[in-house]
Amino acid sequence: MRIAVDAMGGDYAPLEIVAGAVEAARGIEALTTLYLVGQEDVIRRELAKYGPTPSKIVIRHASEAVGMEETPALAIRKKKDNSISRSMDMVKAGEADAVVSAGNTGAMVVGATLKLRTLEGIGRPAIATVMPTTGRPVVLIDAGANTDCTPDLLVEFAVMGSVYAREILGAVNPVVGLLSIGGEDTKGNEITKEAFRLLKEAPVNFRGNVEGHDIFRGDTDVIVCDGFVGNVVLKTSESVAHAIGSWLKKEFKANPLRLLGALLLKGALKSMKSKMDPEMFGGAPLLGVNGVCIITHGSSSRTAIFHAVRVACEAVGHHVNKHIVEEASKLHRSA
């Protein structure tokens, strides 16, 4: 597998990006070439910290970077030699099989849509975020690429999310739910009501509407919503997880007995933390474009980059895009 990694994207670039890339080059057997795309002199300085550069790593120079606060479309248009665009160019030219970036999410979506185009049968790409639950992990789609969606797009998201859950998470006949304000068929706005009707006829295992409290139960494999709602859900969930962690630390430190109890619970707490760690899921794929694109959190550590490269290799190896085109074809034939 040949993976292009945006070395200049993210809050801790290039330090954590290069470190994660080195770990991936040394630890992922399926990886044949890892391209670090960005300012060559900066990347070389970081690589020098880790001894001899692994033979799998190749530097591709890009003189510009897209900042986290920049307007995506404007940055992609004006900064022709930015590391995100150059990574996309490599996939388009067949030099790389996938792109990984912890940089500006909007720029990733814009760059992929403009340069790689959408897959046959897919109207718009969508971000699929894997979230931990009390049972099996769930794919939340869309998590931020499209703030406004039509019912037809929501159905396409369900198809793409099902393919990803099946091929990458190993879900057998993935269960799909439509996020709404109630479990009844009649609940929701006009868009979700129409999407509900279409999903009942679509070639997916549709269980019906699901509510917010269903997300973490672990009995649904794919939860479909528009990008506005999905992004709110994602960021609220992250905030709650951080708040719980802070509360626990504060309460455990309140007196010596509680601190002793925390020591006794250390193994359980560590296990719980690892299950909740989003970095282990390898970032969020941008599904629906003609190439594999993995978007990781802006604050991604080297561990997150390692797993993002791993998931990129898996998505290429499992031919996720080919399966999406096949399922989209079934969808449109049934329609």
C-alpha atoms as a PDB file:
ATOM      1  CA  MET A   1       0.000   0.000   0.000  1.00  0.00           C
ATOM      2  CA  ARG A   2       1.199   3.515  -0.822  1.00  0.00           C
ATOM      3  CA  ILE A   3      -0.067   6.143   1.602  1.00  0.00           C
ATOM      4  CA  ALA A   4       0.430   9.919   1.305  1.00  0.00           C
ATOM      5  CA  VAL A   5       0.503  11.629   4.710  1.00  0.00           C
ATOM      6  CA  ASP A   6       0.016  15.381   5.012  1.00  0.00           C
ATOM      7  CA  ALA A   7       3.003  16.213   7.210  1.00  0.00           C
ATOM      8  CA  MET A   8       1.990  19.865   7.698  1.00  0.00           C
ATOM      9  CA  GLY A   9      -1.613  19.380   8.871  1.00  0.00           C
ATOM     10  CA  GLY A  10      -2.755  19.392  12.500  1.00  0.00           C
ATOM     11  CA  ASP A  11      -2.128  21.203  15.767  1.00  0.00           C
ATOM     12  CA  TYR A  12       1.083  19.267  16.411  1.00  0.00           C
ATOM     13  CA  ALA A  13       2.479  19.104  12.889  1.00  0.00           C
ATOM     14  CA  PRO A  14       5.024  18.147  11.852  1.00  0.00           C
ATOM     15  CA  LEU A  15       6.296  16.718  15.166  1.00  0.00           C
ATOM     16  CA  GLU A  16       3.528  14.177  15.870  1.00  0.00           C
ATOM     17  CA  ILE A  17       2.781  13.520  12.218  1.00  0.00           C
ATOM     18  CA  VAL A  18       6.353  12.519  11.407  1.00  0.00           C
ATOM     19  CA  ALA A  19       6.630  10.456  14.601  1.00  0.00           C
ATOM     20  CA  GLY A  20       3.445   8.546  13.725  1.00  0.00           C
ATOM     21  CA  ALA A  21       4.647   8.052  10.173  1.00  0.00           C
ATOM     22  CA  VAL A  22       7.916   6.538  11.391  1.00  0.00           C
ATOM     23  CA  GLU A  23       6.002   4.164  13.675  1.00  0.00           C
ATOM     24  CA  ALA A  24       3.731   3.182  10.786  1.00  0.00           C
ATOM     25  CA  ALA A  25       6.665   2.581   8.441  1.00  0.00           C
ATOM     26  CA  ARG A  26       8.263   0.323  11.019  1.00  0.00           C
ATOM     27  CA  GLY A  27       5.138  -1.454  12.221  1.00  0.00           C
ATOM     28  CA  ILE A  28       2.650  -1.912   9.356  1.00  0.00           C
ATOM     29  CA  GLU A  29       3.633  -4.771   7.064  1.00  0.00           C
ATOM     30  CA  ALA A  30       1.059  -3.988   4.374  1.00  0.00           C
ATOM     31  CA  LEU A  31       2.588  -0.534   3.910  1.00  0.00           C
ATOM     32  CA  THR A  32       5.065  -0.433   1.016  1.00  0.00           C
ATOM     33  CA  THR A  33       5.595   3.330   0.670  1.00  0.00           C
ATOM     34  CA  LEU A  34       4.723   6.204   2.980  1.00  0.00           C
ATOM     35  CA  TYR A  35       4.975   9.626   1.373  1.00  0.00           C
ATOM     36  CA  LEU A  36       5.464  12.514   3.782  1.00  0.00           C
ATOM     37  CA  VAL A  37       4.093  15.518   1.921  1.00  0.00           C
ATOM     38  CA  GLY A  38       5.137  18.987   3.014  1.00  0.00           C
ATOM     39  CA  GLN A  39       8.090  21.326   3.423  1.00  0.00           C
ATOM     40  CA  GLU A  40      11.114  19.101   2.834  1.00  0.00           C
ATOM     41  CA  ASP A  41      13.605  20.836   5.112  1.00  0.00           C
ATOM     42  CA  VAL A  42      11.148  20.799   8.029  1.00  0.00           C
ATOM     43  CA  ILE A  43      10.314  17.137   7.510  1.00  0.00           C
ATOM     44  CA  ARG A  44      13.990  16.141   7.295  1.00  0.00           C
ATOM     45  CA  ARG A  45      14.750  17.880  10.591  1.00  0.00           C
ATOM     46  CA  GLU A  46      11.984  15.887  12.281  1.00  0.00           C
ATOM     47  CA  LEU A  47      13.026  12.610  10.688  1.00  0.00           C
ATOM     48  CA  ALA A  48      16.581  13.086  11.928  1.00  0.00           C
ATOM     49  CA  LYS A  49      15.329  12.674  15.510  1.00  0.00           C
ATOM     50  CA  TYR A  50      14.518   9.005  14.874  1.00  0.00           C
ATOM     51  CA  GLY A  51      17.824   7.727  13.524  1.00  0.00           C
ATOM     52  CA  PRO A  52      18.094   6.165  10.069  1.00  0.00           C
ATOM     53  CA  THR A  53      14.996   6.953   7.994  1.00  0.00           C
ATOM     54  CA  PRO A  54      12.985   3.805   7.209  1.00  0.00           C
ATOM     55  CA  SER A  55      13.300   2.845   3.546  1.00  0.00           C
ATOM     56  CA  LYS A  56       9.515   2.982   3.163  1.00  0.00           C
ATOM     57  CA  ILE A  57       9.442   6.746   3.803  1.00  0.00           C
ATOM     58  CA  VAL A  58       9.726   9.125   0.853  1.00  0.00           C
ATOM     59  CA  ILE A  59       9.477  12.927   1.110  1.00  0.00           C
ATOM     60  CA  ARG A  60       7.402  14.870  -1.398  1.00  0.00           C
ATOM     61  CA  HIS A  61       7.929  18.613  -1.196  1.00  0.00           C
ATOM     62  CA  ALA A  62       4.995  21.006  -0.944  1.00  0.00           C
ATOM     63  CA  SER A  63       5.868  24.608  -0.192  1.00  0.00           C
ATOM     64  CA  GLU A  64       2.558  25.628   1.403  1.00  0.00           C
ATOM     65  CA  ALA A  65       0.209  24.425   4.138  1.00  0.00           C
ATOM     66  CA  VAL A  66      -3.476  25.069   4.847  1.00  0.00           C
ATOM     67  CA  GLY A  67      -4.014  26.514   8.316  1.00  0.00           C
ATOM     68  CA  MET A  68      -6.692  25.111  10.618  1.00  0.00           C
ATOM     69  CA  GLU A  69      -8.589  28.410  10.648  1.00  0.00           C
ATOM     70  CA  GLU A  70      -8.388  29.154   6.926  1.00  0.00           C
ATOM     71  CA  THR A  71     -11.453  29.134   4.683  1.00  0.00           C
ATOM     72  CA  PRO A  72     -11.186  25.746   2.910  1.00  0.00           C
ATOM     73  CA  ALA A  73     -12.281  26.630  -0.625  1.00  0.00           C
ATOM     74  CA  LEU A  74     -10.255  29.856  -0.648  1.00  0.00           C
ATOM     75  CA  ALA A  75      -7.123  28.140   0.663  1.00  0.00           C
ATOM     76  CA  ILE A  76      -7.324  25.296  -1.859  1.00  0.00           C
ATOM     77  CA  ARG A  77      -7.799  27.776  -4.698  1.00  0.00           C
ATOM     78  CA  LYS A  78      -5.082  30.265  -3.710  1.00  0.00           C
ATOM     79  CA  LYS A  79      -2.448  27.934  -2.264  1.00  0.00           C
ATOM     80  CA  LYS A  80      -1.779  25.740  -5.271  1.00  0.00           C
ATOM     81  CA  ASP A  81       1.227  24.009  -3.712  1.00  0.00           C
ATOM     82  CA  ASN A  82      -0.315  23.092  -0.347  1.00  0.00           C
ATOM     83  CA  SER A  83       0.334  19.687   1.202  1.00  0.00           C
ATOM     84  CA  ILE A  84      -3.327  18.556   1.082  1.00  0.00           C
ATOM     85  CA  SER A  85      -3.695  19.298  -2.627  1.00  0.00           C
ATOM     86  CA  ARG A  86      -0.362  17.685  -3.462  1.00  0.00           C
ATOM     87  CA  SER A  87      -1.405  14.548  -1.587  1.00  0.00           C
ATOM     88  CA  MET A  88      -4.678  14.449  -3.525  1.00  0.00           C
ATOM     89  CA  ASP A  89      -2.766  14.921  -6.786  1.00  0.00           C
ATOM     90  CA  MET A  90      -0.700  11.849  -5.973  1.00  0.00           C
ATOM     91  CA  VAL A  91      -3.822   9.716  -5.524  1.00  0.00           C
ATOM     92  CA  LYS A  92      -5.342  11.112  -8.720  1.00  0.00           C
ATOM     93  CA  ALA A  93      -2.155  10.305 -10.643  1.00  0.00           C
ATOM     94  CA  GLY A  94      -2.018   6.774  -9.255  1.00  0.00           C
ATOM     95  CA  GLU A  95       1.185   7.386  -7.270  1.00  0.00           C
ATOM     96  CA  ALA A  96      -0.536   6.852  -3.917  1.00  0.00           C
ATOM     97  CA  ASP A  97      -3.503   4.725  -2.857  1.00  0.00           C
ATOM     98  CA  ALA A  98      -4.722   6.926  -0.002  1.00  0.00           C
ATOM     99  CA  VAL A  99      -4.338  10.259   1.804  1.00  0.00           C
ATOM    100  CA  VAL A 100      -4.111  10.777   5.572  1.00  0.00           C
ATOM    101  CA  SER A 101      -4.368  14.240   7.136  1.00  0.00           C
ATOM    102  CA  ALA A 102      -4.893  15.781  10.553  1.00  0.00           C
ATOM    103  CA  GLY A 103      -5.248  19.184   8.918  1.00  0.00           C
ATOM    104  CA  ASN A 104      -8.164  21.395   7.960  1.00  0.00           C
ATOM    105  CA  THR A 105     -11.174  19.087   7.560  1.00  0.00           C
ATOM    106  CA  GLY A 106     -12.975  21.431   5.192  1.00  0.00           C
ATOM    107  CA  ALA A 107      -9.914  21.638   2.960  1.00  0.00           C
ATOM    108  CA  MET A 108      -9.752  17.832   2.855  1.00  0.00           C
ATOM    109  CA  VAL A 109     -13.401  17.645   1.777  1.00  0.00           C
ATOM    110  CA  VAL A 110     -13.040  20.419  -0.812  1.00  0.00           C
ATOM    111  CA  GLY A 111      -9.735  19.092  -2.135  1.00  0.00           C
ATOM    112  CA  ALA A 112     -10.999  15.521  -2.439  1.00  0.00           C
ATOM    113  CA  THR A 113     -14.252  16.583  -4.109  1.00  0.00           C
ATOM    114  CA  LEU A 114     -12.553  18.867  -6.635  1.00  0.00           C
ATOM    115  CA  LYS A 115      -9.541  16.720  -7.458  1.00  0.00           C
ATOM    116  CA  LEU A 116     -10.749  13.140  -7.021  1.00  0.00           C
ATOM    117  CA  ARG A 117     -14.462  13.641  -7.749  1.00  0.00           C
ATOM    118  CA  THR A 118     -17.225  11.499  -6.307  1.00  0.00           C
ATOM    119  CA  LEU A 119     -17.709   7.811  -7.021  1.00  0.00           C
ATOM    120  CA  GLU A 120     -20.249   6.700  -9.601  1.00  0.00           C
ATOM    121  CA  GLY A 121     -23.717   6.763  -8.073  1.00  0.00           C
ATOM    122  CA  ILE A 122     -22.746   9.003  -5.143  1.00  0.00           C
ATOM    123  CA  GLY A 123     -23.951  12.610  -4.975  1.00  0.00           C
ATOM    124  CA  ARG A 124     -21.743  13.907  -2.180  1.00  0.00           C
ATOM    125  CA  PRO A 125     -18.989  12.500   0.022  1.00  0.00           C
ATOM    126  CA  ALA A 126     -19.609  12.059   3.747  1.00  0.00           C
ATOM    127  CA  ILE A 127     -17.421  11.762   6.832  1.00  0.00           C
ATOM    128  CA  ALA A 128     -17.881   8.458   8.653  1.00  0.00           C
ATOM    129  CA  THR A 129     -16.759   8.586  12.282  1.00  0.00           C
ATOM    130  CA  VAL A 130     -16.399   5.368  14.268  1.00  0.00           C
ATOM    131  CA  MET A 131     -17.555   5.807  17.872  1.00  0.00           C
ATOM    132  CA  PRO A 132     -17.155   3.445  20.840  1.00  0.00           C
ATOM    133  CA  THR A 133     -20.305   2.127  22.532  1.00  0.00           C
ATOM    134  CA  THR A 134     -21.230  -0.303  25.310  1.00  0.00           C
ATOM    135  CA  GLY A 135     -21.408  -2.979  22.611  1.00  0.00           C
ATOM    136  CA  ARG A 136     -19.917  -2.943  19.143  1.00  0.00           C
ATOM    137  CA  PRO A 137     -18.594   0.298  17.613  1.00  0.00           C
ATOM    138  CA  VAL A 138     -20.974   2.419  15.551  1.00  0.00           C
ATOM    139  CA  VAL A 139     -20.375   4.394  12.349  1.00  0.00           C
ATOM    140  CA  LEU A 140     -21.858   7.911  12.528  1.00  0.00           C
ATOM    141  CA  ILE A 141     -22.351   9.313   9.014  1.00  0.00           C
ATOM    142  CA  ASP A 142     -22.278  12.219   8.091  1.00  0.00           C
ATOM    143  CA  ALA A 143     -20.093  13.773  10.804  1.00  0.00           C
ATOM    144  CA  GLY A 144     -19.546  17.167   9.194  1.00  0.00           C
ATOM    145  CA  ALA A 145     -19.060  17.238   5.426  1.00  0.00           C
ATOM    146  CA  ASN A 146     -22.622  18.317   4.494  1.00  0.00           C
ATOM    147  CA  THR A 147     -24.624  20.660   6.710  1.00  0.00           C
ATOM    148  CA  ASP A 148     -27.690  20.431   4.467  1.00  0.00           C
ATOM    149  CA  CYS A 149     -28.839  17.134   2.948  1.00  0.00           C
ATOM    150  CA  THR A 150     -31.667  15.772   0.870  1.00  0.00           C
ATOM    151  CA  PRO A 151     -33.389  12.465   1.725  1.00  0.00           C
ATOM    152  CA  ASP A 152     -31.641  10.824  -1.251  1.00  0.00           C
ATOM    153  CA  LEU A 153     -28.238  11.801   0.129  1.00  0.00           C
ATOM    154  CA  LEU A 154     -29.065  10.338   3.543  1.00  0.00           C
ATOM    155  CA  VAL A 155     -29.880   7.033   1.860  1.00  0.00           C
ATOM    156  CA  GLU A 156     -26.541   7.098   0.019  1.00  0.00           C
ATOM    157  CA  PHE A 157     -24.820   7.757   3.353  1.00  0.00           C
ATOM    158  CA  ALA A 158     -26.546   4.672   4.768  1.00  0.00           C
ATOM    159  CA  VAL A 159     -25.202   2.571   1.891  1.00  0.00           C
ATOM    160  CA  MET A 160     -21.640   3.897   2.293  1.00  0.00           C
ATOM    161  CA  GLY A 161     -21.714   3.511   6.073  1.00  0.00           C
ATOM    162  CA  SER A 162     -22.936  -0.070   5.731  1.00  0.00           C
ATOM    163  CA  VAL A 163     -20.072  -0.956   3.399  1.00  0.00           C
ATOM    164  CA  TYR A 164     -17.528   0.557   5.790  1.00  0.00           C
ATOM    165  CA  ALA A 165     -19.014  -1.195   8.835  1.00  0.00           C
ATOM    166  CA  ARG A 166     -18.979  -4.515   6.980  1.00  0.00           C
ATOM    167  CA  GLU A 167     -15.548  -4.291   5.398  1.00  0.00           C
ATOM    168  CA  ILE A 168     -13.533  -2.523   8.119  1.00  0.00           C
ATOM    169  CA  LEU A 169     -15.398  -3.228  11.377  1.00  0.00           C
ATOM    170  CA  GLY A 170     -16.458  -6.740  10.432  1.00  0.00           C
ATOM    171  CA  ALA A 171     -20.195  -6.206  10.975  1.00  0.00           C
ATOM    172  CA  VAL A 172     -22.313  -8.940   9.409  1.00  0.00           C
ATOM    173  CA  ASN A 173     -25.372  -7.439   7.688  1.00  0.00           C
ATOM    174  CA  PRO A 174     -24.866  -4.035   9.397  1.00  0.00           C
ATOM    175  CA  VAL A 175     -27.890  -2.600  11.190  1.00  0.00           C
ATOM    176  CA  VAL A 176     -28.725   0.944  10.047  1.00  0.00           C
ATOM    177  CA  GLY A 177     -30.608   3.544  12.077  1.00  0.00           C
ATOM    178  CA  LEU A 178     -31.791   7.033  11.100  1.00  0.00           C
ATOM    179  CA  LEU A 179     -31.109   9.625  13.806  1.00  0.00           C
ATOM    180  CA  SER A 180     -34.297  11.444  14.729  1.00  0.00           C
ATOM    181  CA  ILE A 181     -36.227  12.879  17.689  1.00  0.00           C
ATOM    182  CA  GLY A 182     -38.230   9.722  18.294  1.00  0.00           C
ATOM    183  CA  GLY A 183     -38.306   6.041  17.458  1.00  0.00           C
ATOM    184  CA  GLU A 184     -41.737   6.154  15.849  1.00  0.00           C
ATOM    185  CA  ASP A 185     -42.068   6.234  12.062  1.00  0.00           C
ATOM    186  CA  THR A 186     -43.857   9.577  12.161  1.00  0.00           C
ATOM    187  CA  LYS A 187     -41.203  11.441  14.191  1.00  0.00           C
ATOM    188  CA  GLY A 188     -38.738  13.869  12.612  1.00  0.00           C
ATOM    189  CA  ASN A 189     -38.694  16.741  10.147  1.00  0.00           C
ATOM    190  CA  GLU A 190     -39.803  16.455   6.525  1.00  0.00           C
ATOM    191  CA  ILE A 191     -36.342  15.395   5.345  1.00  0.00           C
ATOM    192  CA  THR A 192     -35.952  12.567   7.864  1.00  0.00           C
ATOM    193  CA  LYS A 193     -39.528  11.384   7.281  1.00  0.00           C
ATOM    194  CA  GLU A 194     -38.890  11.085   3.554  1.00  0.00           C
ATOM    195  CA  ALA A 195     -35.485   9.485   4.197  1.00  0.00           C
ATOM    196  CA  PHE A 196     -37.227   6.957   6.463  1.00  0.00           C
ATOM    197  CA  ARG A 197     -39.587   6.015   3.632  1.00  0.00           C
ATOM    198  CA  LEU A 198     -36.727   5.627   1.160  1.00  0.00           C
ATOM    199  CA  LEU A 199     -34.568   3.635   3.570  1.00  0.00           C
ATOM    200  CA  LYS A 200     -37.353   1.089   4.059  1.00  0.00           C
ATOM    201  CA  GLU A 201     -37.019   0.269   0.345  1.00  0.00           C
ATOM    202  CA  ALA A 202     -33.219   0.589   0.129  1.00  0.00           C
ATOM    203  CA  PRO A 203     -30.845  -2.417   0.012  1.00  0.00           C
ATOM    204  CA  VAL A 204     -29.686  -1.909   3.627  1.00  0.00           C
ATOM    205  CA  ASN A 205     -30.650  -3.548   6.920  1.00  0.00           C
ATOM    206  CA  PHE A 206     -32.755  -0.612   8.161  1.00  0.00           C
ATOM    207  CA  ARG A 207     -34.075  -0.831  11.734  1.00  0.00           C
ATOM    208  CA  GLY A 208     -35.903   2.509  11.703  1.00  0.00           C
ATOM    209  CA  ASN A 209     -35.442   5.710  13.652  1.00  0.00           C
ATOM    210  CA  VAL A 210     -32.985   5.908  16.540  1.00  0.00           C
ATOM    211  CA  GLU A 211     -32.695   8.612  19.179  1.00  0.00           C
ATOM    212  CA  GLY A 212     -29.709  10.202  20.841  1.00  0.00           C
ATOM    213  CA  HIS A 213     -29.763   7.749  23.751  1.00  0.00           C
ATOM    214  CA  ASP A 214     -29.533   4.840  21.272  1.00  0.00           C
ATOM    215  CA  ILE A 215     -26.137   5.907  19.908  1.00  0.00           C
ATOM    216  CA  PHE A 216     -24.046   4.302  22.654  1.00  0.00           C
ATOM    217  CA  ARG A 217     -26.129   1.186  23.261  1.00  0.00           C
ATOM    218  CA  GLY A 218     -24.115  -0.795  20.745  1.00  0.00           C
ATOM    219  CA  ASP A 219     -27.020  -2.478  18.934  1.00  0.00           C
ATOM    220  CA  THR A 220     -26.778  -0.375  15.758  1.00  0.00           C
ATOM    221  CA  ASP A 221     -23.842  -0.483  13.326  1.00  0.00           C
ATOM    222  CA  VAL A 222     -24.547   2.652  11.275  1.00  0.00           C
ATOM    223  CA  ILE A 223     -26.355   5.829  12.352  1.00  0.00           C
ATOM    224  CA  VAL A 224     -27.302   8.223   9.561  1.00  0.00           C
ATOM    225  CA  CYS A 225     -27.793  11.981   9.858  1.00  0.00           C
ATOM    226  CA  ASP A 226     -26.825  15.186   8.096  1.00  0.00           C
ATOM    227  CA  GLY A 227     -23.419  16.711   8.756  1.00  0.00           C
ATOM    228  CA  PHE A 228     -24.773  19.518  10.941  1.00  0.00           C
ATOM    229  CA  VAL A 229     -26.408  17.138  13.407  1.00  0.00           C
ATOM    230  CA  GLY A 230     -23.578  14.607  13.159  1.00  0.00           C
ATOM    231  CA  ASN A 231     -20.890  17.151  13.980  1.00  0.00           C
ATOM    232  CA  VAL A 232     -22.853  18.409  16.990  1.00  0.00           C
ATOM    233  CA  VAL A 233     -23.270  14.819  18.218  1.00  0.00           C
ATOM    234  CA  LEU A 234     -19.580  14.072  17.739  1.00  0.00           C
ATOM    235  CA  LYS A 235     -18.269  17.163  19.509  1.00  0.00           C
ATOM    236  CA  THR A 236     -20.814  16.898  22.326  1.00  0.00           C
ATOM    237  CA  SER A 237     -19.783  13.282  22.885  1.00  0.00           C
ATOM    238  CA  GLU A 238     -16.103  14.250  23.001  1.00  0.00           C
ATOM    239  CA  SER A 239     -16.882  17.024  25.478  1.00  0.00           C
ATOM    240  CA  VAL A 240     -18.872  14.710  27.762  1.00  0.00           C
ATOM    241  CA  ALA A 241     -16.050  12.138  27.729  1.00  0.00           C
ATOM    242  CA  HIS A 242     -13.502  14.806  28.737  1.00  0.00           C
ATOM    243  CA  ALA A 243     -15.844  16.129  31.444  1.00  0.00           C
ATOM    244  CA  ILE A 244     -16.317  12.666  32.956  1.00  0.00           C
ATOM    245  CA  GLY A 245     -12.557  12.172  33.017  1.00  0.00           C
ATOM    246  CA  SER A 246     -12.069  15.502  34.809  1.00  0.00           C
ATOM    247  CA  TRP A 247     -14.831  14.744  37.312  1.00  0.00           C
ATOM    248  CA  LEU A 248     -13.341  11.358  38.152  1.00  0.00           C
ATOM    249  CA  LYS A 249      -9.865  12.837  38.739  1.00  0.00           C
ATOM    250  CA  LYS A 250     -11.305  15.565  40.953  1.00  0.00           C
ATOM    251  CA  GLU A 251     -13.378  13.148  43.031  1.00  0.00           C
ATOM    252  CA  PHE A 252     -10.583  10.604  43.417  1.00  0.00           C
ATOM    253  CA  LYS A 253      -8.233  13.331  44.686  1.00  0.00           C
ATOM    254  CA  ALA A 254     -10.786  14.625  47.200  1.00  0.00           C
ATOM    255  CA  ASN A 255      -9.419  12.431  50.033  1.00  0.00           C
ATOM    256  CA  PRO A 256      -6.817   9.696  50.612  1.00  0.00           C
ATOM    257  CA  LEU A 257      -9.337   6.846  50.785  1.00  0.00           C
ATOM    258  CA  ARG A 258     -10.727   7.688  47.369  1.00  0.00           C
ATOM    259  CA  LEU A 259      -7.195   7.911  46.010  1.00  0.00           C
ATOM    260  CA  LEU A 260      -6.524   4.436  47.371  1.00  0.00           C
ATOM    261  CA  GLY A 261      -9.707   3.241  45.683  1.00  0.00           C
ATOM    262  CA  ALA A 262      -8.498   4.770  42.427  1.00  0.00           C
ATOM    263  CA  LEU A 263      -5.251   2.794  42.719  1.00  0.00           C
ATOM    264  CA  LEU A 264      -7.251  -0.410  43.198  1.00  0.00           C
ATOM    265  CA  LEU A 265      -9.337   0.470  40.147  1.00  0.00           C
ATOM    266  CA  LYS A 266      -6.344   1.458  38.037  1.00  0.00           C
ATOM    267  CA  GLY A 267      -6.584  -1.569  35.729  1.00  0.00           C
ATOM    268  CA  ALA A 268     -10.318  -1.154  35.138  1.00  0.00           C
ATOM    269  CA  LEU A 269      -9.978   2.575  34.518  1.00  0.00           C
ATOM    270  CA  LYS A 270      -7.127   2.009  32.078  1.00  0.00           C
ATOM    271  CA  SER A 271      -9.168  -0.596  30.204  1.00  0.00           C
ATOM    272  CA  MET A 272     -12.185   1.726  30.053  1.00  0.00           C
ATOM    273  CA  LYS A 273     -10.035   4.582  28.776  1.00  0.00           C
ATOM    274  CA  SER A 274      -8.578   2.436  25.979  1.00  0.00           C
ATOM    275  CA  LYS A 275     -12.069   1.388  24.859  1.00  0.00           C
ATOM    276  CA  MET A 276     -13.161   5.030  24.728  1.00  0.00           C
ATOM    277  CA  ASP A 277     -10.026   6.273  22.959  1.00  0.00           C
ATOM    278  CA  PRO A 278     -11.054   7.548  19.493  1.00  0.00           C
ATOM    279  CA  GLU A 279      -7.429   7.488  18.317  1.00  0.00           C
ATOM    280  CA  MET A 280      -7.516   3.675  18.218  1.00  0.00           C
ATOM    281  CA  PHE A 281     -10.164   3.747  15.469  1.00  0.00           C
ATOM    282  CA  GLY A 282      -7.808   5.423  13.014  1.00  0.00           C
ATOM    283  CA  GLY A 283      -9.595   8.616  12.093  1.00  0.00           C
ATOM    284  CA  ALA A 284     -12.670   9.197   9.953  1.00  0.00           C
ATOM    285  CA  PRO A 285     -12.821   8.167   6.294  1.00  0.00           C
ATOM    286  CA  LEU A 286     -14.273  10.585   3.768  1.00  0.00           C
ATOM    287  CA  LEU A 287     -16.464   8.096   1.933  1.00  0.00           C
ATOM    288  CA  GLY A 288     -17.761   8.620  -1.573  1.00  0.00           C
ATOM    289  CA  VAL A 289     -14.713  10.062  -3.334  1.00  0.00           C
ATOM    290  CA  ASN A 290     -12.619   8.310  -5.954  1.00  0.00           C
ATOM    291  CA  GLY A 291      -9.769   7.554  -3.583  1.00  0.00           C
ATOM    292  CA  VAL A 292      -9.259   6.660   0.070  1.00  0.00           C
ATOM    293  CA  CYS A 293      -9.105   9.729   2.335  1.00  0.00           C
ATOM    294  CA  ILE A 294      -8.691   9.468   6.105  1.00  0.00           C
ATOM    295  CA  ILE A 295      -9.294  12.564   8.229  1.00  0.00           C
ATOM    296  CA  THR A 296      -7.889  12.560  11.751  1.00  0.00           C
ATOM    297  CA  HIS A 297      -8.511  14.968  14.618  1.00  0.00           C
ATOM    298  CA  GLY A 298      -6.556  18.215  14.551  1.00  0.00           C
ATOM    299  CA  SER A 299      -4.971  17.332  17.909  1.00  0.00           C
ATOM    300  CA  SER A 300      -3.941  13.862  16.726  1.00  0.00           C
ATOM    301  CA  SER A 301      -0.956  12.257  18.417  1.00  0.00           C
ATOM    302  CA  ARG A 302       1.551   9.910  16.799  1.00  0.00           C
ATOM    303  CA  THR A 303      -0.657   7.015  17.903  1.00  0.00           C
ATOM    304  CA  ALA A 304      -3.610   8.458  15.998  1.00  0.00           C
ATOM    305  CA  ILE A 305      -1.475   8.898  12.863  1.00  0.00           C
ATOM    306  CA  PHE A 306      -0.220   5.318  13.120  1.00  0.00           C
ATOM    307  CA  HIS A 307      -3.781   3.977  13.283  1.00  0.00           C
ATOM    308  CA  ALA A 308      -4.960   6.322  10.525  1.00  0.00           C
ATOM    309  CA  VAL A 309      -2.310   4.858   8.207  1.00  0.00           C
ATOM    310  CA  ARG A 310      -3.350   1.362   9.321  1.00  0.00           C
ATOM    311  CA  VAL A 311      -7.012   2.022   8.516  1.00  0.00           C
ATOM    312  CA  ALA A 312      -6.064   3.597   5.175  1.00  0.00           C
ATOM    313  CA  CYS A 313      -4.239   0.373   4.275  1.00  0.00           C
ATOM    314  CA  GLU A 314      -7.259  -1.685   5.338  1.00  0.00           C
ATOM    315  CA  ALA A 315      -9.670   0.447   3.303  1.00  0.00           C
ATOM    316  CA  VAL A 316      -7.498   0.027   0.207  1.00  0.00           C
ATOM    317  CA  GLY A 317      -6.996  -3.681   0.816  1.00  0.00           C
ATOM    318  CA  HIS A 318     -10.718  -4.323   1.331  1.00  0.00           C
ATOM    319  CA  HIS A 319     -11.618  -2.382  -1.846  1.00  0.00           C
ATOM    320  CA  VAL A 320     -14.100  -0.215   0.052  1.00  0.00           C
ATOM    321  CA  ASN A 321     -14.697   2.139  -2.893  1.00  0.00           C
ATOM    322  CA  LYS A 322     -15.391  -0.729  -5.287  1.00  0.00           C
ATOM    323  CA  HIS A 323     -18.002  -2.106  -2.876  1.00  0.00           C
ATOM    324  CA  ILE A 324     -19.585   1.330  -2.446  1.00  0.00           C
ATOM    325  CA  VAL A 325     -20.015   1.642  -6.228  1.00  0.00           C
ATOM    326  CA  GLU A 326     -21.572  -1.848  -6.342  1.00  0.00           C
ATOM    327  CA  GLU A 327     -24.026  -1.094  -3.528  1.00  0.00           C
ATOM    328  CA  ALA A 328     -24.856   2.340  -4.952  1.00  0.00           C
ATOM    329  CA  SER A 329     -25.692   0.647  -8.244  1.00  0.00           C
ATOM    330  CA  LYS A 330     -28.101  -1.688  -6.417  1.00  0.00           C
ATOM    331  CA  LEU A 331     -29.648   1.290  -4.669  1.00  0.00           C
ATOM    332  CA  HIS A 332     -30.340   3.190  -7.845  1.00  0.00           C
ATOM    333  CA  ARG A 333     -31.644   0.097  -9.631  1.00  0.00           C
ATOM    334  CA  SER A 334     -34.099  -0.541  -6.783  1.00  0.00           C
ATOM    335  CA  ALA A 335     -35.170   3.099  -6.869  1.00  0.00           C
END
